[in-house]
N, C-alpha and C. Protein backbone atom coordinates (compact mmCIF):
# COMPACT_ATOMS: atom_id res chain seq x y z
N MET A 1 0.82 -1.20 0.00
CA MET A 1 0.00 0.00 0.00
C MET A 1 0.86 1.26 0.00
N SER A 2 1.89 1.28 0.81
CA SER A 2 2.73 2.47 0.93
C SER A 2 3.54 2.75 -0.33
N GLU A 3 3.61 1.78 -1.25
CA GLU A 3 4.32 2.05 -2.50
C GLU A 3 3.51 2.96 -3.41
N ILE A 4 2.21 3.11 -3.12
CA ILE A 4 1.33 3.99 -3.88
C ILE A 4 1.10 5.30 -3.15
N VAL A 5 0.80 5.22 -1.86
CA VAL A 5 0.49 6.41 -1.09
C VAL A 5 0.81 6.15 0.38
N GLU A 6 1.24 7.21 1.08
CA GLU A 6 1.52 7.11 2.50
C GLU A 6 0.26 7.44 3.30
N PRO A 7 0.15 6.96 4.52
CA PRO A 7 -1.02 7.30 5.34
C PRO A 7 -1.18 8.82 5.45
N GLY A 8 -2.40 9.28 5.23
CA GLY A 8 -2.70 10.70 5.33
C GLY A 8 -2.44 11.50 4.07
N ALA A 9 -1.69 10.95 3.11
CA ALA A 9 -1.37 11.68 1.88
C ALA A 9 -2.49 11.51 0.86
N HIS A 10 -2.56 12.45 -0.09
CA HIS A 10 -3.57 12.39 -1.13
C HIS A 10 -3.10 11.47 -2.27
N LEU A 11 -4.04 10.77 -2.85
CA LEU A 11 -3.75 9.85 -3.94
C LEU A 11 -3.59 10.63 -5.25
N MET A 12 -2.50 10.38 -5.97
CA MET A 12 -2.30 11.02 -7.26
C MET A 12 -3.26 10.42 -8.28
N GLY A 13 -3.69 11.26 -9.24
CA GLY A 13 -4.64 10.81 -10.25
C GLY A 13 -4.16 9.60 -11.02
N ARG A 14 -2.85 9.54 -11.27
CA ARG A 14 -2.31 8.42 -12.06
C ARG A 14 -2.41 7.10 -11.31
N ASP A 15 -2.61 7.15 -9.97
CA ASP A 15 -2.66 5.93 -9.18
C ASP A 15 -4.08 5.45 -8.90
N VAL A 16 -5.09 6.22 -9.35
CA VAL A 16 -6.47 5.80 -9.16
C VAL A 16 -6.73 4.52 -9.97
N GLY A 17 -7.21 3.49 -9.33
CA GLY A 17 -7.48 2.22 -9.99
C GLY A 17 -6.27 1.32 -10.12
N ARG A 18 -5.14 1.76 -9.62
CA ARG A 18 -3.92 0.95 -9.73
C ARG A 18 -4.04 -0.30 -8.85
N PRO A 19 -3.77 -1.49 -9.40
CA PRO A 19 -3.85 -2.71 -8.58
C PRO A 19 -2.84 -2.67 -7.44
N LEU A 20 -3.23 -3.24 -6.31
CA LEU A 20 -2.36 -3.28 -5.15
C LEU A 20 -2.72 -4.47 -4.27
N THR A 21 -1.83 -4.76 -3.36
CA THR A 21 -2.10 -5.78 -2.35
C THR A 21 -1.86 -5.17 -0.98
N VAL A 22 -2.68 -5.56 -0.04
CA VAL A 22 -2.57 -5.09 1.34
C VAL A 22 -2.63 -6.30 2.26
N THR A 23 -1.71 -6.40 3.17
CA THR A 23 -1.70 -7.49 4.14
C THR A 23 -2.08 -6.94 5.51
N GLY A 24 -3.05 -7.58 6.13
CA GLY A 24 -3.48 -7.11 7.45
C GLY A 24 -4.61 -7.97 7.99
N GLU A 25 -5.31 -7.42 8.97
CA GLU A 25 -6.42 -8.13 9.60
C GLU A 25 -7.66 -7.26 9.61
N PHE A 26 -8.79 -7.83 9.19
CA PHE A 26 -10.06 -7.12 9.23
C PHE A 26 -10.51 -6.93 10.68
N VAL A 27 -11.25 -5.85 10.90
CA VAL A 27 -11.86 -5.59 12.21
C VAL A 27 -13.38 -5.56 11.99
N PRO A 28 -14.02 -6.71 11.97
CA PRO A 28 -15.43 -6.80 11.56
C PRO A 28 -16.40 -6.07 12.49
N GLU A 29 -16.03 -5.89 13.76
CA GLU A 29 -16.96 -5.23 14.68
C GLU A 29 -17.16 -3.74 14.34
N LEU A 30 -16.28 -3.19 13.47
CA LEU A 30 -16.40 -1.80 13.05
C LEU A 30 -16.95 -1.68 11.63
N GLU A 31 -17.42 -2.78 11.08
CA GLU A 31 -17.94 -2.78 9.71
C GLU A 31 -19.20 -1.92 9.61
N VAL A 32 -19.34 -1.20 8.48
CA VAL A 32 -20.52 -0.36 8.24
C VAL A 32 -20.99 -0.53 6.80
N LEU A 33 -22.20 -0.07 6.54
CA LEU A 33 -22.76 -0.02 5.19
C LEU A 33 -22.84 1.44 4.75
N VAL A 34 -22.58 1.67 3.47
CA VAL A 34 -22.76 3.00 2.88
C VAL A 34 -23.93 2.88 1.91
N PRO A 35 -25.13 3.31 2.31
CA PRO A 35 -26.33 3.12 1.48
C PRO A 35 -26.42 4.15 0.36
N GLY A 36 -27.44 3.96 -0.48
CA GLY A 36 -27.71 4.92 -1.54
C GLY A 36 -26.78 4.82 -2.73
N ARG A 37 -26.22 3.64 -2.97
CA ARG A 37 -25.32 3.46 -4.10
C ARG A 37 -25.99 2.60 -5.18
N SER A 38 -25.42 2.65 -6.38
CA SER A 38 -25.98 1.88 -7.49
C SER A 38 -24.86 1.18 -8.24
N VAL A 39 -25.04 -0.09 -8.51
CA VAL A 39 -24.08 -0.89 -9.26
C VAL A 39 -24.85 -1.74 -10.26
N GLY A 40 -24.54 -1.60 -11.54
CA GLY A 40 -25.20 -2.38 -12.57
C GLY A 40 -26.70 -2.15 -12.63
N GLY A 41 -27.12 -0.92 -12.30
CA GLY A 41 -28.55 -0.62 -12.33
C GLY A 41 -29.29 -1.01 -11.08
N GLN A 42 -28.61 -1.64 -10.13
CA GLN A 42 -29.22 -2.02 -8.87
C GLN A 42 -28.86 -1.01 -7.80
N SER A 43 -29.81 -0.70 -6.93
CA SER A 43 -29.53 0.16 -5.79
C SER A 43 -29.21 -0.71 -4.59
N GLY A 44 -28.39 -0.17 -3.72
CA GLY A 44 -27.99 -0.94 -2.55
C GLY A 44 -26.95 -0.21 -1.73
N SER A 45 -26.13 -0.98 -1.04
CA SER A 45 -25.14 -0.41 -0.12
C SER A 45 -23.77 -1.02 -0.36
N LEU A 46 -22.75 -0.22 -0.06
CA LEU A 46 -21.38 -0.72 -0.08
C LEU A 46 -21.06 -1.30 1.29
N VAL A 47 -20.39 -2.41 1.29
CA VAL A 47 -19.98 -3.05 2.55
C VAL A 47 -18.53 -2.62 2.83
N VAL A 48 -18.35 -1.87 3.90
CA VAL A 48 -17.03 -1.31 4.23
C VAL A 48 -16.53 -1.93 5.53
N THR A 49 -15.41 -2.60 5.44
CA THR A 49 -14.81 -3.25 6.61
C THR A 49 -13.40 -2.71 6.81
N PRO A 50 -13.09 -2.16 7.98
CA PRO A 50 -11.74 -1.64 8.21
C PRO A 50 -10.72 -2.78 8.32
N LEU A 51 -9.52 -2.48 7.85
CA LEU A 51 -8.43 -3.45 7.92
C LEU A 51 -7.22 -2.75 8.53
N ARG A 52 -6.58 -3.40 9.48
CA ARG A 52 -5.34 -2.89 10.05
C ARG A 52 -4.18 -3.51 9.28
N GLU A 53 -3.41 -2.65 8.59
CA GLU A 53 -2.30 -3.16 7.79
C GLU A 53 -1.14 -3.56 8.69
N THR A 54 -0.68 -4.79 8.54
CA THR A 54 0.47 -5.26 9.30
C THR A 54 1.74 -5.03 8.50
N GLY A 55 2.84 -4.94 9.20
CA GLY A 55 4.12 -4.73 8.53
C GLY A 55 4.44 -3.27 8.29
N GLU A 56 3.53 -2.36 8.65
CA GLU A 56 3.75 -0.93 8.51
C GLU A 56 3.73 -0.29 9.89
N GLU A 57 4.52 0.76 10.08
CA GLU A 57 4.58 1.43 11.37
C GLU A 57 3.21 1.96 11.77
N GLY A 58 2.80 1.65 12.98
CA GLY A 58 1.52 2.11 13.48
C GLY A 58 0.32 1.30 13.01
N GLU A 59 0.55 0.30 12.15
CA GLU A 59 -0.53 -0.51 11.60
C GLU A 59 -1.70 0.37 11.15
N PRO A 60 -1.48 1.16 10.10
CA PRO A 60 -2.51 2.12 9.66
C PRO A 60 -3.80 1.44 9.21
N TRP A 61 -4.90 2.17 9.36
CA TRP A 61 -6.20 1.68 8.93
C TRP A 61 -6.34 1.81 7.42
N VAL A 62 -7.03 0.85 6.84
CA VAL A 62 -7.34 0.87 5.41
C VAL A 62 -8.86 0.73 5.27
N VAL A 63 -9.47 1.66 4.53
CA VAL A 63 -10.90 1.59 4.25
C VAL A 63 -11.10 0.61 3.09
N VAL A 64 -11.70 -0.53 3.37
CA VAL A 64 -11.86 -1.58 2.36
C VAL A 64 -13.34 -1.74 2.00
N VAL A 65 -13.64 -1.60 0.71
CA VAL A 65 -14.98 -1.90 0.21
C VAL A 65 -14.97 -3.35 -0.24
N ARG A 66 -15.60 -4.22 0.54
CA ARG A 66 -15.55 -5.65 0.23
C ARG A 66 -16.49 -6.04 -0.91
N GLY A 67 -17.47 -5.18 -1.20
CA GLY A 67 -18.40 -5.48 -2.28
C GLY A 67 -19.67 -4.68 -2.12
N PHE A 68 -20.67 -5.04 -2.94
CA PHE A 68 -21.93 -4.31 -3.01
C PHE A 68 -23.06 -5.24 -2.58
N LEU A 69 -23.95 -4.72 -1.71
CA LEU A 69 -25.08 -5.50 -1.21
C LEU A 69 -26.36 -4.87 -1.76
N PRO A 70 -27.04 -5.56 -2.71
CA PRO A 70 -28.27 -5.00 -3.28
C PRO A 70 -29.35 -4.83 -2.23
N ASP A 71 -30.21 -3.82 -2.44
CA ASP A 71 -31.36 -3.64 -1.55
C ASP A 71 -32.20 -4.90 -1.53
N GLY A 72 -32.69 -5.24 -0.37
CA GLY A 72 -33.49 -6.46 -0.22
C GLY A 72 -32.69 -7.60 0.35
N GLU A 73 -31.36 -7.53 0.17
CA GLU A 73 -30.48 -8.55 0.77
C GLU A 73 -30.13 -8.10 2.19
N THR A 74 -30.31 -8.95 3.12
CA THR A 74 -30.09 -8.57 4.52
C THR A 74 -28.89 -9.26 5.16
N THR A 75 -28.35 -10.26 4.49
CA THR A 75 -27.24 -11.00 5.07
C THR A 75 -25.92 -10.54 4.47
N VAL A 76 -25.05 -10.02 5.33
CA VAL A 76 -23.72 -9.60 4.90
C VAL A 76 -22.74 -10.71 5.24
N PRO A 77 -22.06 -11.27 4.25
CA PRO A 77 -21.10 -12.35 4.54
C PRO A 77 -19.98 -11.83 5.42
N PRO A 78 -19.53 -12.64 6.36
CA PRO A 78 -18.47 -12.19 7.27
C PRO A 78 -17.14 -12.02 6.56
N ALA A 79 -16.35 -11.09 7.07
CA ALA A 79 -15.00 -10.89 6.54
C ALA A 79 -14.10 -12.04 6.97
N GLN A 80 -13.03 -12.24 6.24
CA GLN A 80 -12.08 -13.28 6.59
C GLN A 80 -11.43 -12.95 7.94
N THR A 81 -11.08 -13.99 8.65
CA THR A 81 -10.44 -13.81 9.95
C THR A 81 -8.94 -14.08 9.83
N GLY A 82 -8.20 -13.57 10.78
CA GLY A 82 -6.76 -13.75 10.76
C GLY A 82 -6.11 -12.84 9.74
N GLU A 83 -4.82 -13.03 9.53
CA GLU A 83 -4.10 -12.19 8.57
C GLU A 83 -4.46 -12.59 7.14
N VAL A 84 -4.79 -11.60 6.34
CA VAL A 84 -5.17 -11.83 4.94
C VAL A 84 -4.33 -10.95 4.04
N THR A 85 -4.18 -11.36 2.80
CA THR A 85 -3.55 -10.52 1.77
C THR A 85 -4.64 -10.15 0.78
N LEU A 86 -5.04 -8.90 0.83
CA LEU A 86 -6.15 -8.41 0.03
C LEU A 86 -5.65 -7.90 -1.31
N VAL A 87 -6.32 -8.27 -2.39
CA VAL A 87 -6.03 -7.77 -3.73
C VAL A 87 -7.14 -6.81 -4.12
N GLY A 88 -6.78 -5.61 -4.53
CA GLY A 88 -7.80 -4.62 -4.89
C GLY A 88 -7.20 -3.48 -5.66
N SER A 89 -7.89 -2.36 -5.65
CA SER A 89 -7.42 -1.16 -6.33
C SER A 89 -7.84 0.06 -5.52
N ALA A 90 -7.08 1.14 -5.66
CA ALA A 90 -7.27 2.31 -4.81
C ALA A 90 -8.08 3.39 -5.50
N ALA A 91 -8.80 4.16 -4.71
CA ALA A 91 -9.53 5.33 -5.19
C ALA A 91 -9.41 6.42 -4.15
N ALA A 92 -9.49 7.68 -4.60
CA ALA A 92 -9.40 8.81 -3.67
C ALA A 92 -10.60 8.82 -2.74
N GLY A 93 -10.35 9.14 -1.48
CA GLY A 93 -11.43 9.18 -0.51
C GLY A 93 -12.49 10.21 -0.88
N GLU A 94 -13.71 9.95 -0.47
CA GLU A 94 -14.81 10.85 -0.77
C GLU A 94 -14.89 11.97 0.25
N ALA A 95 -15.73 12.97 -0.04
CA ALA A 95 -15.89 14.12 0.85
C ALA A 95 -16.59 13.69 2.14
N TYR A 96 -16.30 14.42 3.19
CA TYR A 96 -16.90 14.15 4.49
C TYR A 96 -18.28 14.79 4.56
N HIS A 97 -19.28 14.03 4.99
CA HIS A 97 -20.63 14.54 5.18
C HIS A 97 -20.91 14.66 6.67
N PRO A 98 -21.11 15.88 7.15
CA PRO A 98 -21.29 16.06 8.60
C PRO A 98 -22.57 15.47 9.15
N ALA A 99 -23.57 15.22 8.29
CA ALA A 99 -24.82 14.66 8.79
C ALA A 99 -24.57 13.30 9.43
N PRO A 100 -24.99 13.10 10.67
CA PRO A 100 -24.72 11.83 11.34
C PRO A 100 -25.46 10.68 10.68
N PRO A 101 -24.78 9.60 10.34
CA PRO A 101 -25.43 8.45 9.72
C PRO A 101 -26.19 7.63 10.76
N ARG A 102 -27.02 6.72 10.26
CA ARG A 102 -27.71 5.82 11.17
C ARG A 102 -26.72 4.79 11.71
N GLU A 103 -27.09 4.17 12.80
CA GLU A 103 -26.21 3.19 13.42
C GLU A 103 -25.88 2.07 12.43
N GLY A 104 -24.60 1.74 12.34
CA GLY A 104 -24.17 0.70 11.43
C GLY A 104 -23.99 1.16 10.01
N GLU A 105 -24.11 2.48 9.77
CA GLU A 105 -23.95 3.03 8.43
C GLU A 105 -22.96 4.18 8.44
N ALA A 106 -22.49 4.53 7.26
CA ALA A 106 -21.66 5.72 7.05
C ALA A 106 -22.23 6.44 5.84
N SER A 107 -22.14 7.77 5.84
CA SER A 107 -22.76 8.54 4.77
C SER A 107 -21.90 8.61 3.52
N SER A 108 -20.61 8.32 3.63
CA SER A 108 -19.72 8.35 2.46
C SER A 108 -18.46 7.57 2.76
N LEU A 109 -17.64 7.40 1.72
CA LEU A 109 -16.34 6.73 1.88
C LEU A 109 -15.30 7.77 2.23
N SER A 110 -15.49 8.39 3.38
CA SER A 110 -14.63 9.48 3.82
C SER A 110 -13.62 9.00 4.86
N PRO A 111 -12.33 8.92 4.50
CA PRO A 111 -11.33 8.55 5.50
C PRO A 111 -11.31 9.51 6.69
N ALA A 112 -11.67 10.79 6.46
CA ALA A 112 -11.70 11.75 7.56
C ALA A 112 -12.74 11.34 8.60
N TYR A 113 -13.90 10.89 8.12
CA TYR A 113 -14.93 10.41 9.04
C TYR A 113 -14.47 9.16 9.77
N PHE A 114 -13.93 8.20 9.02
CA PHE A 114 -13.50 6.94 9.62
C PHE A 114 -12.36 7.16 10.61
N ALA A 115 -11.51 8.15 10.35
CA ALA A 115 -10.42 8.44 11.28
C ALA A 115 -10.97 8.84 12.65
N GLY A 116 -12.09 9.59 12.64
CA GLY A 116 -12.69 9.98 13.91
C GLY A 116 -13.34 8.82 14.64
N THR A 117 -13.63 7.74 13.90
CA THR A 117 -14.26 6.57 14.50
C THR A 117 -13.26 5.48 14.83
N TRP A 118 -12.34 5.25 13.89
CA TRP A 118 -11.38 4.16 14.06
C TRP A 118 -10.08 4.62 14.70
N GLY A 119 -9.69 5.87 14.44
CA GLY A 119 -8.42 6.38 14.95
C GLY A 119 -7.40 6.59 13.85
N LEU A 120 -6.20 6.93 14.24
CA LEU A 120 -5.09 7.18 13.32
C LEU A 120 -3.95 6.21 13.61
N PRO A 121 -3.03 6.04 12.63
CA PRO A 121 -2.99 6.59 11.27
C PRO A 121 -3.99 5.88 10.35
N ILE A 122 -4.33 6.56 9.24
CA ILE A 122 -5.28 6.00 8.27
C ILE A 122 -4.89 6.48 6.88
N TYR A 123 -5.08 5.62 5.89
CA TYR A 123 -4.83 6.02 4.50
C TYR A 123 -5.99 6.90 4.02
N ASN A 124 -5.65 7.94 3.28
CA ASN A 124 -6.66 8.87 2.78
C ASN A 124 -7.24 8.37 1.44
N VAL A 125 -7.49 7.09 1.37
CA VAL A 125 -8.04 6.45 0.17
C VAL A 125 -8.99 5.35 0.64
N TYR A 126 -9.70 4.75 -0.31
CA TYR A 126 -10.39 3.51 -0.01
C TYR A 126 -9.98 2.48 -1.06
N VAL A 127 -10.03 1.22 -0.67
CA VAL A 127 -9.60 0.13 -1.54
C VAL A 127 -10.81 -0.72 -1.90
N VAL A 128 -11.02 -0.92 -3.20
CA VAL A 128 -12.10 -1.77 -3.69
C VAL A 128 -11.55 -3.17 -3.89
N GLN A 129 -12.12 -4.13 -3.19
CA GLN A 129 -11.66 -5.51 -3.29
C GLN A 129 -11.89 -6.02 -4.72
N ALA A 130 -10.87 -6.66 -5.29
CA ALA A 130 -10.94 -7.09 -6.70
C ALA A 130 -12.05 -8.09 -6.94
N GLU A 131 -12.24 -9.02 -6.01
CA GLU A 131 -13.31 -10.01 -6.12
C GLU A 131 -14.07 -10.01 -4.80
N ALA A 132 -15.35 -9.65 -4.90
CA ALA A 132 -16.17 -9.58 -3.69
C ALA A 132 -16.34 -10.97 -3.07
N ASP A 133 -16.56 -10.97 -1.75
CA ASP A 133 -16.84 -12.22 -1.06
C ASP A 133 -18.17 -12.80 -1.55
N ASP A 134 -18.31 -14.11 -1.42
CA ASP A 134 -19.56 -14.76 -1.81
C ASP A 134 -20.74 -14.10 -1.11
N GLY A 135 -21.79 -13.78 -1.87
CA GLY A 135 -22.94 -13.10 -1.30
C GLY A 135 -22.96 -11.62 -1.58
N LEU A 136 -21.84 -11.09 -2.10
CA LEU A 136 -21.75 -9.68 -2.46
C LEU A 136 -21.46 -9.55 -3.96
N VAL A 137 -21.78 -8.38 -4.51
CA VAL A 137 -21.54 -8.12 -5.93
C VAL A 137 -20.18 -7.46 -6.09
N THR A 138 -19.37 -7.99 -7.02
CA THR A 138 -18.05 -7.41 -7.29
C THR A 138 -18.22 -6.07 -8.00
N MET A 139 -17.47 -5.08 -7.56
CA MET A 139 -17.55 -3.74 -8.14
C MET A 139 -16.46 -3.54 -9.18
N ALA A 140 -16.73 -2.66 -10.14
CA ALA A 140 -15.74 -2.35 -11.17
C ALA A 140 -14.55 -1.63 -10.56
N ARG A 141 -13.40 -1.82 -11.17
CA ARG A 141 -12.19 -1.16 -10.68
C ARG A 141 -12.32 0.35 -10.87
N PRO A 142 -12.00 1.15 -9.86
CA PRO A 142 -12.10 2.61 -10.00
C PRO A 142 -11.16 3.12 -11.09
N SER A 143 -11.55 4.22 -11.70
CA SER A 143 -10.69 4.87 -12.68
C SER A 143 -10.82 6.38 -12.52
N ALA A 144 -9.79 7.11 -12.97
CA ALA A 144 -9.77 8.56 -12.78
C ALA A 144 -10.88 9.24 -13.56
N ASP A 145 -11.36 8.63 -14.65
CA ASP A 145 -12.40 9.24 -15.47
C ASP A 145 -13.72 8.49 -15.37
N SER A 146 -13.92 7.80 -14.24
CA SER A 146 -15.13 7.00 -14.09
C SER A 146 -16.31 7.80 -13.59
N GLY A 147 -16.07 9.10 -13.36
CA GLY A 147 -17.16 9.94 -12.87
C GLY A 147 -17.34 9.86 -11.38
N ASP A 148 -16.39 9.28 -10.66
CA ASP A 148 -16.53 9.18 -9.21
C ASP A 148 -16.04 10.42 -8.50
N GLY A 149 -15.63 11.44 -9.27
CA GLY A 149 -15.22 12.70 -8.66
C GLY A 149 -13.75 12.78 -8.33
N ALA A 150 -12.97 11.78 -8.73
CA ALA A 150 -11.56 11.77 -8.38
C ALA A 150 -10.84 12.97 -8.98
N ASN A 151 -11.13 13.29 -10.26
CA ASN A 151 -10.46 14.42 -10.89
C ASN A 151 -10.82 15.72 -10.21
N LEU A 152 -12.11 15.87 -9.85
CA LEU A 152 -12.53 17.09 -9.18
C LEU A 152 -11.87 17.23 -7.82
N ARG A 153 -11.73 16.12 -7.10
CA ARG A 153 -11.06 16.18 -5.81
C ARG A 153 -9.60 16.57 -5.97
N ASN A 154 -8.92 15.95 -6.95
CA ASN A 154 -7.51 16.29 -7.15
C ASN A 154 -7.36 17.75 -7.54
N LEU A 155 -8.30 18.26 -8.38
CA LEU A 155 -8.26 19.66 -8.75
C LEU A 155 -8.48 20.55 -7.54
N ALA A 156 -9.42 20.15 -6.69
CA ALA A 156 -9.69 20.93 -5.48
C ALA A 156 -8.47 20.97 -4.57
N TYR A 157 -7.78 19.81 -4.43
CA TYR A 157 -6.58 19.78 -3.61
C TYR A 157 -5.52 20.72 -4.18
N ALA A 158 -5.37 20.71 -5.52
CA ALA A 158 -4.37 21.57 -6.15
C ALA A 158 -4.69 23.04 -5.92
N VAL A 159 -5.98 23.41 -6.10
CA VAL A 159 -6.38 24.80 -5.86
C VAL A 159 -6.14 25.19 -4.42
N GLU A 160 -6.46 24.27 -3.50
CA GLU A 160 -6.26 24.54 -2.08
C GLU A 160 -4.80 24.85 -1.78
N TRP A 161 -3.89 24.05 -2.38
CA TRP A 161 -2.48 24.28 -2.13
C TRP A 161 -1.98 25.58 -2.76
N PHE A 162 -2.52 25.94 -3.95
CA PHE A 162 -2.14 27.21 -4.58
C PHE A 162 -2.61 28.38 -3.72
N VAL A 163 -3.81 28.29 -3.19
CA VAL A 163 -4.31 29.36 -2.33
C VAL A 163 -3.45 29.48 -1.08
N PHE A 164 -3.10 28.33 -0.49
CA PHE A 164 -2.26 28.34 0.70
C PHE A 164 -0.89 28.96 0.39
N ALA A 165 -0.31 28.58 -0.76
CA ALA A 165 1.00 29.12 -1.14
C ALA A 165 0.91 30.63 -1.37
N GLY A 166 -0.17 31.09 -2.02
CA GLY A 166 -0.34 32.53 -2.24
C GLY A 166 -0.49 33.28 -0.95
N PHE A 167 -1.24 32.70 0.00
CA PHE A 167 -1.41 33.34 1.30
C PHE A 167 -0.08 33.42 2.06
N ALA A 168 0.69 32.32 2.01
CA ALA A 168 1.99 32.31 2.68
C ALA A 168 2.92 33.36 2.07
N LEU A 169 2.89 33.50 0.74
CA LEU A 169 3.72 34.50 0.07
C LEU A 169 3.31 35.90 0.48
N PHE A 170 1.98 36.13 0.59
CA PHE A 170 1.49 37.45 1.01
C PHE A 170 1.94 37.77 2.42
N ILE A 171 1.86 36.80 3.34
CA ILE A 171 2.30 37.01 4.72
C ILE A 171 3.79 37.32 4.76
N TRP A 172 4.57 36.57 3.96
CA TRP A 172 6.02 36.82 3.92
C TRP A 172 6.31 38.23 3.42
N TYR A 173 5.59 38.68 2.38
CA TYR A 173 5.77 40.03 1.84
C TYR A 173 5.45 41.08 2.90
N ARG A 174 4.34 40.87 3.63
CA ARG A 174 3.96 41.83 4.67
C ARG A 174 5.01 41.90 5.77
N MET A 175 5.54 40.76 6.16
CA MET A 175 6.56 40.74 7.21
C MET A 175 7.82 41.47 6.77
N VAL A 176 8.25 41.20 5.52
CA VAL A 176 9.45 41.87 5.01
C VAL A 176 9.21 43.36 4.90
N ARG A 177 8.04 43.78 4.42
CA ARG A 177 7.74 45.20 4.26
C ARG A 177 7.69 45.90 5.61
N ASP A 178 7.00 45.26 6.58
CA ASP A 178 6.89 45.87 7.90
C ASP A 178 8.25 46.00 8.57
N GLU A 179 9.10 44.97 8.37
CA GLU A 179 10.44 45.03 8.95
C GLU A 179 11.25 46.15 8.32
N ALA A 180 11.11 46.33 6.99
CA ALA A 180 11.83 47.41 6.31
C ALA A 180 11.36 48.78 6.78
N ILE A 181 10.04 48.92 6.98
CA ILE A 181 9.51 50.20 7.47
C ILE A 181 10.01 50.49 8.88
N ASP A 182 9.97 49.47 9.75
CA ASP A 182 10.46 49.66 11.12
C ASP A 182 11.93 50.04 11.14
N ARG A 183 12.72 49.39 10.28
CA ARG A 183 14.14 49.69 10.23
C ARG A 183 14.38 51.12 9.75
N ARG A 184 13.58 51.56 8.76
CA ARG A 184 13.74 52.91 8.25
C ARG A 184 13.36 53.95 9.31
N LEU A 185 12.29 53.66 10.07
CA LEU A 185 11.88 54.57 11.14
C LEU A 185 12.94 54.65 12.23
N ASP A 186 13.54 53.48 12.54
CA ASP A 186 14.61 53.48 13.54
C ASP A 186 15.80 54.29 13.06
N ASP A 187 16.16 54.14 11.77
CA ASP A 187 17.28 54.90 11.22
C ASP A 187 16.98 56.39 11.24
N ASP A 188 15.74 56.78 10.88
CA ASP A 188 15.36 58.18 10.89
C ASP A 188 15.42 58.74 12.30
N ALA A 189 14.97 57.94 13.26
CA ALA A 189 15.01 58.39 14.65
C ALA A 189 16.44 58.55 15.13
N ALA A 190 17.30 57.62 14.73
CA ALA A 190 18.71 57.71 15.12
C ALA A 190 19.36 58.94 14.50
N ASP A 191 19.04 59.21 13.23
CA ASP A 191 19.60 60.39 12.56
C ASP A 191 19.12 61.66 13.23
N ALA A 192 17.84 61.69 13.60
CA ALA A 192 17.29 62.86 14.27
C ALA A 192 17.96 63.07 15.62
N GLY A 193 18.22 61.98 16.33
CA GLY A 193 18.88 62.09 17.62
C GLY A 193 20.30 62.59 17.49
N SER A 194 21.01 62.12 16.45
CA SER A 194 22.38 62.56 16.23
C SER A 194 22.42 64.05 15.89
N SER A 195 21.46 64.50 15.09
CA SER A 195 21.40 65.91 14.73
C SER A 195 21.12 66.77 15.95
N ALA A 196 20.25 66.30 16.83
CA ALA A 196 19.92 67.06 18.04
C ALA A 196 21.12 67.17 18.96
N GLU A 197 21.88 66.07 19.09
CA GLU A 197 23.05 66.09 19.94
C GLU A 197 24.12 67.03 19.37
N GLY A 198 24.28 66.97 18.05
CA GLY A 198 25.27 67.86 17.41
C GLY A 198 24.89 69.31 17.59
N GLY A 199 23.61 69.63 17.50
CA GLY A 199 23.17 71.02 17.68
C GLY A 199 23.42 71.50 19.09
N GLY A 200 23.23 70.62 20.07
CA GLY A 200 23.46 71.01 21.47
C GLY A 200 24.91 71.31 21.72
N ALA A 201 25.84 70.59 21.05
CA ALA A 201 27.26 70.82 21.30
C ALA A 201 27.69 72.18 20.79
N ILE A 202 27.10 72.71 19.73
CA ILE A 202 27.46 74.03 19.22
C ILE A 202 26.97 75.08 20.20
């Protein structure tokens, strides 16, 4: 996982949908559904199970979409137990929705939301399992132009950083200008003091 993105970092557009493997252990007691989704013309929910990645410092959390559960289906197959090696692909995390979800649900695939529930460190992406578990529908591999908003998110991140850089440059300019003005006032005051002392000596 870390060969694509580090915990907390944003996923580059070129890495959206890139195949990857993650080794870790699922934490099924924190599993949630993300309702209001559609796959192949069917409406239903995404099954999201957190995974603690082993072999990495801090055992970061990974948001794993194990598959799609159509509406009307009530049985969610259990996640594998013990250490597993998951094969999937990465997608940029979705926006955070402040509206509180119902118990056992999440309103979006937002790593920011899951971080507040599961803790840190956490990858700022979600991973779509390549082959869903029996009883779930396998989802298509994410792509940068699949309409999932990845390009818009990356553009928003870029704009955010440009705004931050412009603000930092403005603050630096103000500090340099203010320092130059203060220095000039000090020099003027010193010159005035020297002139006054010279006048007194005459």
